[in-house]
Amino acid sequence: MYDTEAPLSPHQTIGTDVPTLGCSQCGFASPLYYDKTKYECGPQRAMPRALQRLYRRGYYASVSFIDDEIGRLLAVLDSTGLADDTAVVLFGDHGWKVA
């Protein structure tokens, strides 16, 4: 559904004067796709571009999946006449940090 050439973030590092507490570029990478012993990474080094694209495609797919599931839920509420008496609440977090 999503192009293998997904666009990459224009910001490949977090900057030199930014605290690194929230930076987990390496921690998120799967050893199946990314040999951390062969590639040094961190706040000042980006993950390999192919891995970034893989993660972005996965993130886009997860958003599409939940969008479809929410649509199914709302359709059932409409078809059963419960839509007017039901509150649907959605919440989320920061995502996968693949911006």
N, C-alpha and C. Protein backbone atom coordinates (compact mmCIF):
# COMPACT_ATOMS: atom_id res chain seq x y z
N MET A 1 0.82 -1.19 0.00
CA MET A 1 0.00 0.00 0.00
C MET A 1 0.87 1.27 0.00
N TYR A 2 2.04 1.17 0.58
CA TYR A 2 2.92 2.34 0.68
C TYR A 2 4.20 2.10 -0.09
N ASP A 3 4.62 3.10 -0.79
CA ASP A 3 5.80 3.04 -1.65
C ASP A 3 7.05 2.66 -0.86
N THR A 4 7.89 1.84 -1.47
CA THR A 4 9.14 1.46 -0.83
C THR A 4 10.10 2.63 -0.73
N GLU A 5 9.84 3.69 -1.46
CA GLU A 5 10.67 4.90 -1.39
C GLU A 5 9.97 5.96 -0.54
N ALA A 6 9.47 5.56 0.62
CA ALA A 6 8.80 6.50 1.51
C ALA A 6 9.72 7.69 1.79
N PRO A 7 9.15 8.89 1.84
CA PRO A 7 10.00 10.06 2.08
C PRO A 7 10.63 9.99 3.47
N LEU A 8 11.84 10.48 3.58
CA LEU A 8 12.54 10.49 4.85
C LEU A 8 12.42 11.86 5.50
N SER A 9 12.63 11.88 6.78
CA SER A 9 12.60 13.14 7.50
C SER A 9 13.75 14.03 7.04
N PRO A 10 13.51 15.33 6.90
CA PRO A 10 14.62 16.22 6.57
C PRO A 10 15.58 16.38 7.75
N HIS A 11 15.15 15.98 8.94
CA HIS A 11 15.97 16.10 10.15
C HIS A 11 16.53 14.73 10.49
N GLN A 12 17.76 14.47 10.11
CA GLN A 12 18.36 13.16 10.30
C GLN A 12 19.09 13.03 11.64
N THR A 13 19.35 14.12 12.32
CA THR A 13 19.93 14.07 13.66
C THR A 13 19.14 15.02 14.54
N ILE A 14 19.39 14.97 15.84
CA ILE A 14 18.59 15.81 16.73
C ILE A 14 19.24 17.14 17.03
N GLY A 15 20.45 17.36 16.59
CA GLY A 15 21.11 18.63 16.85
C GLY A 15 22.12 18.52 17.98
N THR A 16 23.06 19.41 17.99
CA THR A 16 24.15 19.31 18.96
C THR A 16 23.79 19.83 20.34
N ASP A 17 22.83 20.73 20.46
CA ASP A 17 22.50 21.31 21.76
C ASP A 17 21.18 20.80 22.31
N VAL A 18 20.73 19.65 21.85
CA VAL A 18 19.45 19.09 22.27
C VAL A 18 19.72 17.92 23.22
N PRO A 19 19.04 17.87 24.38
CA PRO A 19 19.23 16.72 25.28
C PRO A 19 18.87 15.42 24.57
N THR A 20 19.61 14.37 24.83
CA THR A 20 19.42 13.10 24.12
C THR A 20 18.53 12.12 24.87
N LEU A 21 17.92 12.54 25.95
CA LEU A 21 17.11 11.63 26.75
C LEU A 21 16.03 10.93 25.92
N GLY A 22 15.37 11.66 25.03
CA GLY A 22 14.29 11.08 24.25
C GLY A 22 14.74 10.46 22.95
N CYS A 23 16.01 10.41 22.69
CA CYS A 23 16.51 9.89 21.42
C CYS A 23 16.74 8.39 21.52
N SER A 24 16.05 7.64 20.71
CA SER A 24 16.22 6.18 20.76
C SER A 24 16.38 5.62 19.36
N GLN A 25 17.11 6.30 18.52
CA GLN A 25 17.27 5.84 17.14
C GLN A 25 17.82 4.42 17.09
N CYS A 26 18.77 4.10 17.94
CA CYS A 26 19.36 2.76 17.90
C CYS A 26 18.50 1.75 18.64
N GLY A 27 17.94 2.16 19.76
CA GLY A 27 17.19 1.23 20.59
C GLY A 27 15.98 0.64 19.89
N PHE A 28 15.43 1.35 18.93
CA PHE A 28 14.24 0.89 18.25
C PHE A 28 14.57 -0.08 17.11
N ALA A 29 15.79 -0.04 16.63
CA ALA A 29 16.16 -0.81 15.45
C ALA A 29 16.22 -2.30 15.75
N SER A 30 15.63 -3.06 14.89
CA SER A 30 15.61 -4.51 15.05
C SER A 30 16.92 -5.13 14.56
N PRO A 31 17.47 -6.07 15.32
CA PRO A 31 18.69 -6.73 14.87
C PRO A 31 18.48 -7.54 13.58
N LEU A 32 17.23 -7.83 13.23
CA LEU A 32 16.97 -8.54 11.99
C LEU A 32 17.33 -7.70 10.78
N TYR A 33 17.22 -6.39 10.91
CA TYR A 33 17.45 -5.49 9.78
C TYR A 33 18.69 -4.61 9.95
N TYR A 34 19.25 -4.61 11.14
CA TYR A 34 20.24 -3.60 11.45
C TYR A 34 21.28 -4.17 12.41
N ASP A 35 22.46 -4.43 11.94
CA ASP A 35 23.54 -4.96 12.77
C ASP A 35 24.22 -3.79 13.48
N LYS A 36 23.89 -3.59 14.74
CA LYS A 36 24.41 -2.45 15.49
C LYS A 36 25.92 -2.54 15.71
N THR A 37 26.48 -3.73 15.59
CA THR A 37 27.93 -3.87 15.76
C THR A 37 28.69 -3.33 14.56
N LYS A 38 28.00 -3.18 13.41
CA LYS A 38 28.66 -2.72 12.19
C LYS A 38 28.35 -1.27 11.85
N TYR A 39 27.44 -0.68 12.60
CA TYR A 39 27.04 0.69 12.27
C TYR A 39 26.85 1.46 13.55
N GLU A 40 27.66 2.47 13.76
CA GLU A 40 27.54 3.31 14.94
C GLU A 40 26.40 4.29 14.71
N CYS A 41 25.52 4.40 15.68
CA CYS A 41 24.44 5.36 15.54
C CYS A 41 24.23 6.08 16.86
N GLY A 42 23.37 7.05 16.85
CA GLY A 42 23.09 7.84 18.03
C GLY A 42 22.50 9.17 17.62
N PRO A 43 22.42 10.10 18.54
CA PRO A 43 21.77 11.38 18.24
C PRO A 43 22.38 12.12 17.06
N GLN A 44 23.67 11.93 16.81
CA GLN A 44 24.33 12.66 15.73
C GLN A 44 24.53 11.79 14.47
N ARG A 45 24.02 10.58 14.48
CA ARG A 45 24.13 9.70 13.32
C ARG A 45 22.75 9.08 13.04
N ALA A 46 22.32 9.18 11.84
CA ALA A 46 21.01 8.65 11.47
C ALA A 46 21.09 7.14 11.24
N MET A 47 19.94 6.48 11.38
CA MET A 47 19.84 5.07 11.02
C MET A 47 20.01 4.96 9.50
N PRO A 48 20.36 3.79 9.02
CA PRO A 48 20.44 3.61 7.56
C PRO A 48 19.11 3.98 6.91
N ARG A 49 19.19 4.60 5.75
CA ARG A 49 17.99 5.09 5.07
C ARG A 49 17.00 3.97 4.73
N ALA A 50 17.49 2.81 4.35
CA ALA A 50 16.58 1.70 4.05
C ALA A 50 15.78 1.30 5.28
N LEU A 51 16.41 1.32 6.43
CA LEU A 51 15.72 0.98 7.67
C LEU A 51 14.71 2.06 8.03
N GLN A 52 15.07 3.31 7.83
CA GLN A 52 14.12 4.40 8.07
C GLN A 52 12.87 4.22 7.22
N ARG A 53 13.07 3.88 5.96
CA ARG A 53 11.92 3.68 5.05
C ARG A 53 11.07 2.50 5.50
N LEU A 54 11.71 1.43 5.93
CA LEU A 54 10.99 0.25 6.41
C LEU A 54 10.12 0.62 7.61
N TYR A 55 10.68 1.37 8.56
CA TYR A 55 9.92 1.78 9.74
C TYR A 55 8.79 2.72 9.37
N ARG A 56 9.04 3.64 8.47
CA ARG A 56 7.98 4.57 8.06
C ARG A 56 6.83 3.82 7.38
N ARG A 57 7.17 2.90 6.51
CA ARG A 57 6.11 2.12 5.85
C ARG A 57 5.30 1.35 6.88
N GLY A 58 5.95 0.76 7.86
CA GLY A 58 5.25 0.04 8.92
C GLY A 58 4.35 0.96 9.74
N TYR A 59 4.86 2.15 10.02
CA TYR A 59 4.07 3.12 10.78
C TYR A 59 2.84 3.55 9.98
N TYR A 60 3.03 3.88 8.71
CA TYR A 60 1.90 4.26 7.86
C TYR A 60 0.87 3.12 7.81
N ALA A 61 1.34 1.91 7.69
CA ALA A 61 0.44 0.75 7.63
C ALA A 61 -0.35 0.60 8.93
N SER A 62 0.30 0.82 10.07
CA SER A 62 -0.41 0.69 11.35
C SER A 62 -1.47 1.78 11.49
N VAL A 63 -1.19 2.98 11.00
CA VAL A 63 -2.18 4.06 11.03
C VAL A 63 -3.36 3.71 10.12
N SER A 64 -3.08 3.17 8.95
CA SER A 64 -4.16 2.77 8.03
C SER A 64 -5.01 1.66 8.64
N PHE A 65 -4.37 0.72 9.33
CA PHE A 65 -5.10 -0.38 9.94
C PHE A 65 -6.06 0.14 11.01
N ILE A 66 -5.57 0.99 11.92
CA ILE A 66 -6.44 1.47 12.99
C ILE A 66 -7.53 2.38 12.42
N ASP A 67 -7.23 3.12 11.37
CA ASP A 67 -8.24 3.95 10.72
C ASP A 67 -9.38 3.07 10.20
N ASP A 68 -9.03 1.95 9.58
CA ASP A 68 -10.03 1.02 9.07
C ASP A 68 -10.85 0.41 10.21
N GLU A 69 -10.18 0.04 11.29
CA GLU A 69 -10.89 -0.55 12.43
C GLU A 69 -11.87 0.45 13.06
N ILE A 70 -11.46 1.69 13.18
CA ILE A 70 -12.35 2.73 13.73
C ILE A 70 -13.55 2.92 12.80
N GLY A 71 -13.30 2.91 11.50
CA GLY A 71 -14.40 3.01 10.54
C GLY A 71 -15.38 1.87 10.68
N ARG A 72 -14.88 0.67 10.89
CA ARG A 72 -15.76 -0.50 11.10
C ARG A 72 -16.60 -0.33 12.36
N LEU A 73 -15.96 0.14 13.43
CA LEU A 73 -16.68 0.36 14.69
C LEU A 73 -17.79 1.39 14.51
N LEU A 74 -17.47 2.51 13.89
CA LEU A 74 -18.47 3.56 13.69
C LEU A 74 -19.61 3.09 12.79
N ALA A 75 -19.29 2.29 11.80
CA ALA A 75 -20.34 1.76 10.91
C ALA A 75 -21.30 0.85 11.68
N VAL A 76 -20.78 0.03 12.57
CA VAL A 76 -21.65 -0.85 13.37
C VAL A 76 -22.51 -0.02 14.32
N LEU A 77 -21.92 0.99 14.92
CA LEU A 77 -22.72 1.85 15.80
C LEU A 77 -23.86 2.51 15.02
N ASP A 78 -23.56 2.97 13.81
CA ASP A 78 -24.61 3.56 12.97
C ASP A 78 -25.68 2.54 12.61
N SER A 79 -25.26 1.36 12.17
CA SER A 79 -26.23 0.36 11.69
C SER A 79 -27.08 -0.23 12.80
N THR A 80 -26.62 -0.17 14.03
CA THR A 80 -27.40 -0.71 15.15
C THR A 80 -28.18 0.36 15.89
N GLY A 81 -28.03 1.61 15.45
CA GLY A 81 -28.75 2.69 16.10
C GLY A 81 -28.14 3.15 17.42
N LEU A 82 -26.93 2.75 17.68
CA LEU A 82 -26.28 3.10 18.94
C LEU A 82 -25.36 4.32 18.84
N ALA A 83 -25.21 4.85 17.67
CA ALA A 83 -24.25 5.95 17.47
C ALA A 83 -24.59 7.18 18.31
N ASP A 84 -25.87 7.48 18.46
CA ASP A 84 -26.26 8.67 19.22
C ASP A 84 -26.10 8.51 20.72
N ASP A 85 -25.98 7.28 21.19
CA ASP A 85 -25.87 7.02 22.63
C ASP A 85 -24.51 6.47 23.02
N THR A 86 -23.53 6.60 22.15
CA THR A 86 -22.21 6.03 22.41
C THR A 86 -21.13 7.09 22.23
N ALA A 87 -20.25 7.15 23.20
CA ALA A 87 -19.10 8.04 23.10
C ALA A 87 -17.90 7.19 22.68
N VAL A 88 -17.25 7.59 21.63
CA VAL A 88 -16.04 6.91 21.18
C VAL A 88 -14.87 7.82 21.49
N VAL A 89 -13.94 7.32 22.29
CA VAL A 89 -12.79 8.12 22.72
C VAL A 89 -11.52 7.47 22.17
N LEU A 90 -10.72 8.27 21.50
CA LEU A 90 -9.45 7.79 20.96
C LEU A 90 -8.32 8.56 21.63
N PHE A 91 -7.24 7.87 21.90
CA PHE A 91 -6.05 8.55 22.41
C PHE A 91 -4.82 7.84 21.88
N GLY A 92 -3.72 8.51 21.92
CA GLY A 92 -2.48 7.92 21.41
C GLY A 92 -1.28 8.55 22.07
N ASP A 93 -0.13 8.10 21.66
CA ASP A 93 1.09 8.66 22.20
C ASP A 93 1.90 9.29 21.08
N HIS A 94 3.18 9.35 21.21
CA HIS A 94 4.04 10.05 20.25
C HIS A 94 4.30 9.26 18.97
N GLY A 95 3.75 8.07 18.86
CA GLY A 95 4.02 7.27 17.67
C GLY A 95 5.34 6.55 17.79
N TRP A 96 5.96 6.27 16.68
CA TRP A 96 7.20 5.49 16.67
C TRP A 96 8.44 6.36 16.53
N LYS A 97 8.30 7.64 16.67
CA LYS A 97 9.42 8.59 16.51
C LYS A 97 10.11 8.42 15.15
N VAL A 98 9.31 8.30 14.12
CA VAL A 98 9.86 8.16 12.78
C VAL A 98 9.55 9.38 11.92
N ALA A 99 9.29 10.50 12.56
CA ALA A 99 8.98 11.71 11.82
C ALA A 99 10.20 12.11 11.04
